[in-house]
Amino acid sequence: MLHKTFAETIDERLRAIGWLVDCIGLDPTRDDLRDLRILLIDVIGLLRRDPGIEAAADDLYAATNALVTDNAVGAQPIARKLRLLEDARQRFCGRLNGAAERIGPQELGLKGFAAFQAAQMSRNPASLDARPAWGGRTWA
């Protein structure tokens, strides 16, 4: 098994989130939105609690959710939503990079918990709307 450093793990998650945000920007779908939620939960589970990261993740999810929702009904203006999405992505990536260096990893026993929780959530999508996310908000 190949062991990764904490920085490599964070970089890998950032690349995956960036790729998924690009996909949502090109063709907004609910499936991609669900996958983004899982990735955000996973990456936040890797770090000790940081309200700045949680707020940036919430903003990123809200921007993608607005894009997906408005695309489904044909609402405009799409250019503004894409700009807000890019701003939210830059803010999230900047905060995550800073936090990874500043606050470090979560305890080893909890590292896999976020991935387990995300997998459970993806198996039962009906429970996603009822399950509160960080900050007391619902991510649906």
N, C-alpha and C. Protein backbone atom coordinates (compact mmCIF):
# COMPACT_ATOMS: atom_id res chain seq x y z
N MET A 1 0.84 -1.18 0.00
CA MET A 1 0.00 0.00 0.00
C MET A 1 0.88 1.24 0.00
N LEU A 2 0.51 2.21 -0.81
CA LEU A 2 1.26 3.44 -0.91
C LEU A 2 0.78 4.41 0.17
N HIS A 3 1.70 4.85 1.01
CA HIS A 3 1.35 5.78 2.08
C HIS A 3 1.55 7.20 1.57
N LYS A 4 0.57 8.05 1.84
CA LYS A 4 0.63 9.43 1.41
C LYS A 4 0.83 10.33 2.62
N THR A 5 1.46 11.45 2.37
CA THR A 5 1.55 12.45 3.42
C THR A 5 0.20 13.15 3.53
N PHE A 6 0.02 13.87 4.62
CA PHE A 6 -1.22 14.60 4.82
C PHE A 6 -1.40 15.65 3.73
N ALA A 7 -0.33 16.34 3.35
CA ALA A 7 -0.40 17.37 2.30
C ALA A 7 -0.80 16.75 0.96
N GLU A 8 -0.28 15.57 0.65
CA GLU A 8 -0.65 14.89 -0.60
C GLU A 8 -2.12 14.50 -0.60
N THR A 9 -2.62 14.07 0.55
CA THR A 9 -4.03 13.70 0.67
C THR A 9 -4.91 14.92 0.44
N ILE A 10 -4.57 16.05 1.05
CA ILE A 10 -5.34 17.28 0.87
C ILE A 10 -5.28 17.73 -0.59
N ASP A 11 -4.10 17.67 -1.21
CA ASP A 11 -3.97 18.05 -2.62
C ASP A 11 -4.82 17.17 -3.52
N GLU A 12 -4.85 15.88 -3.22
CA GLU A 12 -5.67 14.95 -4.00
C GLU A 12 -7.15 15.31 -3.90
N ARG A 13 -7.60 15.62 -2.68
CA ARG A 13 -9.01 16.00 -2.49
C ARG A 13 -9.33 17.31 -3.20
N LEU A 14 -8.39 18.27 -3.13
CA LEU A 14 -8.60 19.54 -3.81
C LEU A 14 -8.71 19.37 -5.32
N ARG A 15 -7.87 18.51 -5.89
CA ARG A 15 -7.96 18.24 -7.33
C ARG A 15 -9.30 17.62 -7.69
N ALA A 16 -9.76 16.67 -6.86
CA ALA A 16 -11.05 16.02 -7.12
C ALA A 16 -12.19 17.03 -7.02
N ILE A 17 -12.15 17.88 -6.01
CA ILE A 17 -13.19 18.90 -5.85
C ILE A 17 -13.15 19.88 -7.02
N GLY A 18 -11.95 20.31 -7.41
CA GLY A 18 -11.81 21.22 -8.55
C GLY A 18 -12.33 20.62 -9.83
N TRP A 19 -12.02 19.35 -10.07
CA TRP A 19 -12.50 18.67 -11.27
C TRP A 19 -14.03 18.59 -11.26
N LEU A 20 -14.60 18.27 -10.11
CA LEU A 20 -16.05 18.14 -10.00
C LEU A 20 -16.75 19.49 -10.16
N VAL A 21 -16.17 20.54 -9.60
CA VAL A 21 -16.74 21.88 -9.77
C VAL A 21 -16.69 22.29 -11.25
N ASP A 22 -15.60 21.94 -11.93
CA ASP A 22 -15.52 22.22 -13.37
C ASP A 22 -16.63 21.47 -14.13
N CYS A 23 -16.86 20.22 -13.77
CA CYS A 23 -17.92 19.43 -14.41
C CYS A 23 -19.29 20.06 -14.16
N ILE A 24 -19.52 20.51 -12.94
CA ILE A 24 -20.80 21.14 -12.61
C ILE A 24 -20.96 22.45 -13.38
N GLY A 25 -19.87 23.19 -13.54
CA GLY A 25 -19.91 24.43 -14.30
C GLY A 25 -20.26 24.20 -15.76
N LEU A 26 -19.82 23.08 -16.32
CA LEU A 26 -20.11 22.78 -17.73
C LEU A 26 -21.48 22.15 -17.93
N ASP A 27 -21.87 21.24 -17.03
CA ASP A 27 -23.14 20.53 -17.16
C ASP A 27 -23.68 20.23 -15.77
N PRO A 28 -24.43 21.16 -15.19
CA PRO A 28 -24.91 20.99 -13.81
C PRO A 28 -25.92 19.85 -13.67
N THR A 29 -25.58 18.85 -12.83
CA THR A 29 -26.50 17.74 -12.57
C THR A 29 -26.57 17.47 -11.07
N ARG A 30 -27.67 16.87 -10.66
CA ARG A 30 -27.86 16.51 -9.24
C ARG A 30 -26.85 15.46 -8.79
N ASP A 31 -26.47 14.54 -9.69
CA ASP A 31 -25.51 13.50 -9.32
C ASP A 31 -24.16 14.11 -8.96
N ASP A 32 -23.72 15.08 -9.75
CA ASP A 32 -22.46 15.75 -9.45
C ASP A 32 -22.55 16.54 -8.15
N LEU A 33 -23.70 17.11 -7.89
CA LEU A 33 -23.90 17.85 -6.64
C LEU A 33 -23.79 16.92 -5.44
N ARG A 34 -24.37 15.73 -5.55
CA ARG A 34 -24.27 14.74 -4.47
C ARG A 34 -22.82 14.31 -4.27
N ASP A 35 -22.10 14.10 -5.37
CA ASP A 35 -20.70 13.71 -5.27
C ASP A 35 -19.86 14.81 -4.62
N LEU A 36 -20.17 16.06 -4.94
CA LEU A 36 -19.46 17.17 -4.32
C LEU A 36 -19.71 17.19 -2.81
N ARG A 37 -20.94 16.95 -2.42
CA ARG A 37 -21.26 16.91 -0.99
C ARG A 37 -20.43 15.85 -0.28
N ILE A 38 -20.31 14.69 -0.88
CA ILE A 38 -19.53 13.60 -0.29
C ILE A 38 -18.06 13.99 -0.17
N LEU A 39 -17.51 14.60 -1.21
CA LEU A 39 -16.11 15.03 -1.15
C LEU A 39 -15.88 16.10 -0.09
N LEU A 40 -16.80 17.05 0.02
CA LEU A 40 -16.65 18.10 1.02
C LEU A 40 -16.71 17.53 2.44
N ILE A 41 -17.62 16.62 2.67
CA ILE A 41 -17.71 15.98 3.99
C ILE A 41 -16.42 15.21 4.27
N ASP A 42 -15.92 14.52 3.28
CA ASP A 42 -14.70 13.74 3.45
C ASP A 42 -13.51 14.63 3.79
N VAL A 43 -13.32 15.70 3.05
CA VAL A 43 -12.15 16.54 3.28
C VAL A 43 -12.25 17.28 4.61
N ILE A 44 -13.44 17.69 5.01
CA ILE A 44 -13.58 18.36 6.30
C ILE A 44 -13.34 17.37 7.44
N GLY A 45 -13.69 16.11 7.21
CA GLY A 45 -13.44 15.08 8.22
C GLY A 45 -11.97 14.79 8.44
N LEU A 46 -11.14 15.18 7.48
CA LEU A 46 -9.70 14.96 7.62
C LEU A 46 -9.04 15.97 8.56
N LEU A 47 -9.67 17.12 8.74
CA LEU A 47 -9.08 18.20 9.51
C LEU A 47 -9.74 18.35 10.87
N ARG A 48 -9.02 18.95 11.77
CA ARG A 48 -9.66 19.36 13.02
C ARG A 48 -10.67 20.43 12.68
N ARG A 49 -11.64 20.60 13.53
CA ARG A 49 -12.73 21.53 13.25
C ARG A 49 -12.21 22.95 13.03
N ASP A 50 -12.69 23.57 11.94
CA ASP A 50 -12.33 24.94 11.60
C ASP A 50 -13.55 25.61 11.00
N PRO A 51 -14.16 26.55 11.72
CA PRO A 51 -15.37 27.21 11.20
C PRO A 51 -15.16 27.92 9.87
N GLY A 52 -13.97 28.44 9.62
CA GLY A 52 -13.68 29.10 8.34
C GLY A 52 -13.77 28.14 7.17
N ILE A 53 -13.22 26.94 7.35
CA ILE A 53 -13.30 25.90 6.31
C ILE A 53 -14.75 25.48 6.11
N GLU A 54 -15.45 25.30 7.21
CA GLU A 54 -16.85 24.87 7.11
C GLU A 54 -17.70 25.92 6.39
N ALA A 55 -17.46 27.19 6.68
CA ALA A 55 -18.21 28.26 6.01
C ALA A 55 -17.87 28.30 4.51
N ALA A 56 -16.59 28.13 4.18
CA ALA A 56 -16.18 28.14 2.78
C ALA A 56 -16.77 26.95 2.03
N ALA A 57 -16.81 25.79 2.69
CA ALA A 57 -17.42 24.61 2.07
C ALA A 57 -18.91 24.82 1.88
N ASP A 58 -19.55 25.43 2.85
CA ASP A 58 -20.98 25.72 2.75
C ASP A 58 -21.25 26.67 1.58
N ASP A 59 -20.40 27.70 1.43
CA ASP A 59 -20.55 28.64 0.31
C ASP A 59 -20.35 27.94 -1.03
N LEU A 60 -19.36 27.07 -1.10
CA LEU A 60 -19.10 26.34 -2.35
C LEU A 60 -20.29 25.45 -2.70
N TYR A 61 -20.81 24.75 -1.72
CA TYR A 61 -21.96 23.89 -1.98
C TYR A 61 -23.18 24.72 -2.38
N ALA A 62 -23.40 25.85 -1.70
CA ALA A 62 -24.55 26.70 -2.02
C ALA A 62 -24.45 27.24 -3.45
N ALA A 63 -23.24 27.62 -3.87
CA ALA A 63 -23.05 28.13 -5.23
C ALA A 63 -23.32 27.04 -6.26
N THR A 64 -22.85 25.82 -6.01
CA THR A 64 -23.12 24.74 -6.96
C THR A 64 -24.59 24.34 -6.94
N ASN A 65 -25.20 24.36 -5.77
CA ASN A 65 -26.62 24.03 -5.67
C ASN A 65 -27.46 25.04 -6.44
N ALA A 66 -27.12 26.33 -6.34
CA ALA A 66 -27.85 27.36 -7.09
C ALA A 66 -27.71 27.14 -8.59
N LEU A 67 -26.52 26.79 -9.01
CA LEU A 67 -26.29 26.55 -10.44
C LEU A 67 -27.09 25.35 -10.93
N VAL A 68 -27.07 24.27 -10.18
CA VAL A 68 -27.80 23.06 -10.57
C VAL A 68 -29.31 23.31 -10.56
N THR A 69 -29.80 23.95 -9.51
CA THR A 69 -31.24 24.22 -9.39
C THR A 69 -31.72 25.15 -10.49
N ASP A 70 -30.99 26.23 -10.73
CA ASP A 70 -31.40 27.18 -11.76
C ASP A 70 -31.26 26.61 -13.16
N ASN A 71 -30.29 25.73 -13.35
CA ASN A 71 -30.15 25.10 -14.66
C ASN A 71 -31.35 24.21 -14.96
N ALA A 72 -31.87 23.55 -13.94
CA ALA A 72 -33.02 22.65 -14.12
C ALA A 72 -34.26 23.41 -14.56
N VAL A 73 -34.41 24.65 -14.13
CA VAL A 73 -35.59 25.43 -14.50
C VAL A 73 -35.29 26.46 -15.58
N GLY A 74 -34.06 26.54 -16.03
CA GLY A 74 -33.69 27.46 -17.10
C GLY A 74 -33.57 28.90 -16.65
N ALA A 75 -33.29 29.14 -15.38
CA ALA A 75 -33.17 30.51 -14.86
C ALA A 75 -31.87 31.15 -15.34
N GLN A 76 -31.88 32.44 -15.45
CA GLN A 76 -30.72 33.21 -15.87
C GLN A 76 -30.38 34.20 -14.77
N PRO A 77 -29.31 34.86 -14.71
CA PRO A 77 -28.16 34.83 -15.61
C PRO A 77 -27.13 33.79 -15.17
N ILE A 78 -26.73 32.96 -16.06
CA ILE A 78 -25.80 31.87 -15.76
C ILE A 78 -24.38 32.40 -15.53
N ALA A 79 -23.98 33.47 -16.22
CA ALA A 79 -22.62 33.99 -16.07
C ALA A 79 -22.35 34.45 -14.64
N ARG A 80 -23.32 35.08 -14.01
CA ARG A 80 -23.15 35.53 -12.63
C ARG A 80 -22.99 34.32 -11.70
N LYS A 81 -23.78 33.29 -11.91
CA LYS A 81 -23.70 32.10 -11.06
C LYS A 81 -22.36 31.39 -11.24
N LEU A 82 -21.86 31.36 -12.45
CA LEU A 82 -20.55 30.76 -12.69
C LEU A 82 -19.44 31.56 -12.00
N ARG A 83 -19.57 32.88 -12.03
CA ARG A 83 -18.58 33.72 -11.35
C ARG A 83 -18.63 33.50 -9.84
N LEU A 84 -19.82 33.42 -9.27
CA LEU A 84 -19.96 33.15 -7.85
C LEU A 84 -19.40 31.77 -7.49
N LEU A 85 -19.62 30.81 -8.36
CA LEU A 85 -19.09 29.47 -8.14
C LEU A 85 -17.56 29.49 -8.13
N GLU A 86 -16.96 30.19 -9.08
CA GLU A 86 -15.50 30.26 -9.13
C GLU A 86 -14.94 30.99 -7.91
N ASP A 87 -15.59 32.07 -7.48
CA ASP A 87 -15.16 32.78 -6.27
C ASP A 87 -15.23 31.86 -5.05
N ALA A 88 -16.31 31.10 -4.93
CA ALA A 88 -16.47 30.18 -3.79
C ALA A 88 -15.41 29.09 -3.83
N ARG A 89 -15.08 28.60 -5.03
CA ARG A 89 -14.04 27.57 -5.14
C ARG A 89 -12.68 28.12 -4.72
N GLN A 90 -12.35 29.31 -5.18
CA GLN A 90 -11.07 29.91 -4.82
C GLN A 90 -10.97 30.14 -3.31
N ARG A 91 -12.05 30.61 -2.71
CA ARG A 91 -12.07 30.84 -1.26
C ARG A 91 -11.90 29.53 -0.50
N PHE A 92 -12.61 28.49 -0.93
CA PHE A 92 -12.51 27.19 -0.26
C PHE A 92 -11.10 26.62 -0.38
N CYS A 93 -10.55 26.64 -1.59
CA CYS A 93 -9.20 26.09 -1.79
C CYS A 93 -8.15 26.86 -0.99
N GLY A 94 -8.28 28.17 -0.96
CA GLY A 94 -7.33 28.98 -0.19
C GLY A 94 -7.41 28.68 1.30
N ARG A 95 -8.61 28.59 1.80
CA ARG A 95 -8.78 28.30 3.23
C ARG A 95 -8.31 26.89 3.57
N LEU A 96 -8.60 25.94 2.69
CA LEU A 96 -8.21 24.56 2.95
C LEU A 96 -6.70 24.42 2.95
N ASN A 97 -6.02 25.04 1.99
CA ASN A 97 -4.56 24.98 1.97
C ASN A 97 -3.96 25.58 3.23
N GLY A 98 -4.48 26.73 3.66
CA GLY A 98 -3.98 27.36 4.87
C GLY A 98 -4.26 26.54 6.11
N ALA A 99 -5.44 25.98 6.18
CA ALA A 99 -5.82 25.19 7.36
C ALA A 99 -5.05 23.88 7.43
N ALA A 100 -4.76 23.28 6.30
CA ALA A 100 -4.01 22.03 6.30
C ALA A 100 -2.64 22.22 6.95
N GLU A 101 -2.04 23.36 6.69
CA GLU A 101 -0.73 23.64 7.29
C GLU A 101 -0.87 24.07 8.75
N ARG A 102 -1.93 24.85 9.05
CA ARG A 102 -2.08 25.44 10.36
C ARG A 102 -2.63 24.48 11.41
N ILE A 103 -3.69 23.75 11.08
CA ILE A 103 -4.34 22.95 12.12
C ILE A 103 -4.06 21.47 12.03
N GLY A 104 -3.58 21.00 10.90
CA GLY A 104 -3.17 19.60 10.80
C GLY A 104 -4.31 18.61 10.75
N PRO A 105 -3.93 17.33 10.74
CA PRO A 105 -4.93 16.28 10.57
C PRO A 105 -5.73 16.01 11.84
N GLN A 106 -6.87 15.40 11.63
CA GLN A 106 -7.73 14.92 12.71
C GLN A 106 -7.03 13.71 13.34
N GLU A 107 -7.49 13.30 14.49
CA GLU A 107 -6.94 12.11 15.13
C GLU A 107 -7.05 10.92 14.17
N LEU A 108 -6.08 10.02 14.21
CA LEU A 108 -6.06 8.90 13.28
C LEU A 108 -7.30 8.04 13.34
N GLY A 109 -7.87 7.86 14.51
CA GLY A 109 -9.06 7.03 14.64
C GLY A 109 -10.28 7.60 13.94
N LEU A 110 -10.29 8.89 13.69
CA LEU A 110 -11.44 9.52 13.06
C LEU A 110 -11.24 9.78 11.58
N LYS A 111 -10.06 9.56 11.05
CA LYS A 111 -9.78 9.87 9.66
C LYS A 111 -10.73 9.18 8.69
N GLY A 112 -10.99 7.91 8.89
CA GLY A 112 -11.84 7.18 7.97
C GLY A 112 -13.31 7.36 8.23
N PHE A 113 -13.67 8.00 9.34
CA PHE A 113 -15.07 8.15 9.69
C PHE A 113 -15.81 8.99 8.67
N ALA A 114 -15.19 10.06 8.17
CA ALA A 114 -15.85 10.92 7.19
C ALA A 114 -16.14 10.15 5.91
N ALA A 115 -15.20 9.32 5.47
CA ALA A 115 -15.42 8.53 4.27
C ALA A 115 -16.54 7.51 4.50
N PHE A 116 -16.56 6.91 5.70
CA PHE A 116 -17.62 5.97 6.03
C PHE A 116 -18.98 6.67 6.02
N GLN A 117 -19.05 7.83 6.65
CA GLN A 117 -20.30 8.58 6.70
C GLN A 117 -20.75 8.99 5.29
N ALA A 118 -19.81 9.43 4.47
CA ALA A 118 -20.16 9.82 3.11
C ALA A 118 -20.67 8.64 2.31
N ALA A 119 -20.06 7.47 2.50
CA ALA A 119 -20.52 6.27 1.80
C ALA A 119 -21.93 5.90 2.25
N GLN A 120 -22.19 5.99 3.54
CA GLN A 120 -23.52 5.69 4.06
C GLN A 120 -24.55 6.66 3.49
N MET A 121 -24.19 7.94 3.41
CA MET A 121 -25.11 8.93 2.88
C MET A 121 -25.40 8.69 1.41
N SER A 122 -24.40 8.25 0.65
CA SER A 122 -24.62 8.03 -0.77
C SER A 122 -25.48 6.80 -1.02
N ARG A 123 -25.50 5.86 -0.08
CA ARG A 123 -26.35 4.68 -0.23
C ARG A 123 -27.81 4.99 0.07
N ASN A 124 -28.05 6.00 0.87
CA ASN A 124 -29.41 6.33 1.28
C ASN A 124 -29.69 7.79 0.94
N PRO A 125 -29.84 8.13 -0.36
CA PRO A 125 -29.98 9.53 -0.73
C PRO A 125 -31.25 10.18 -0.19
N ALA A 126 -32.26 9.41 0.17
CA ALA A 126 -33.49 10.00 0.71
C ALA A 126 -33.24 10.67 2.05
N SER A 127 -32.24 10.19 2.79
CA SER A 127 -31.96 10.77 4.10
C SER A 127 -31.11 12.03 4.01
N LEU A 128 -30.60 12.37 2.83
CA LEU A 128 -29.73 13.53 2.70
C LEU A 128 -30.45 14.82 3.02
N ASP A 129 -31.69 14.96 2.59
CA ASP A 129 -32.42 16.20 2.81
C ASP A 129 -32.76 16.39 4.28
N ALA A 130 -32.94 15.32 5.01
CA ALA A 130 -33.33 15.42 6.42
C ALA A 130 -32.13 15.55 7.34
N ARG A 131 -30.95 15.23 6.87
CA ARG A 131 -29.76 15.21 7.72
C ARG A 131 -29.12 16.60 7.76
N PRO A 132 -28.99 17.21 8.93
CA PRO A 132 -28.36 18.53 8.99
C PRO A 132 -26.87 18.43 8.75
N ALA A 133 -26.33 19.42 8.07
CA ALA A 133 -24.89 19.50 7.84
C ALA A 133 -24.27 20.42 8.88
N TRP A 134 -22.98 20.68 8.78
CA TRP A 134 -22.35 21.55 9.74
C TRP A 134 -22.98 22.93 9.65
N GLY A 135 -22.92 23.66 10.74
CA GLY A 135 -23.49 24.99 10.78
C GLY A 135 -25.00 24.97 10.95
N GLY A 136 -25.59 23.77 11.15
CA GLY A 136 -27.02 23.67 11.36
C GLY A 136 -27.83 23.82 10.10
N ARG A 137 -27.19 23.87 8.94
CA ARG A 137 -27.90 24.03 7.68
C ARG A 137 -28.16 22.68 7.05
N THR A 138 -29.17 22.60 6.23
CA THR A 138 -29.45 21.39 5.47
C THR A 138 -28.89 21.60 4.07
N TRP A 139 -28.19 20.63 3.54
CA TRP A 139 -27.50 20.75 2.27
C TRP A 139 -28.32 20.23 1.11
N ALA A 140 -29.55 20.41 1.04
CA ALA A 140 -30.30 19.87 -0.10
C ALA A 140 -30.88 20.92 -0.96
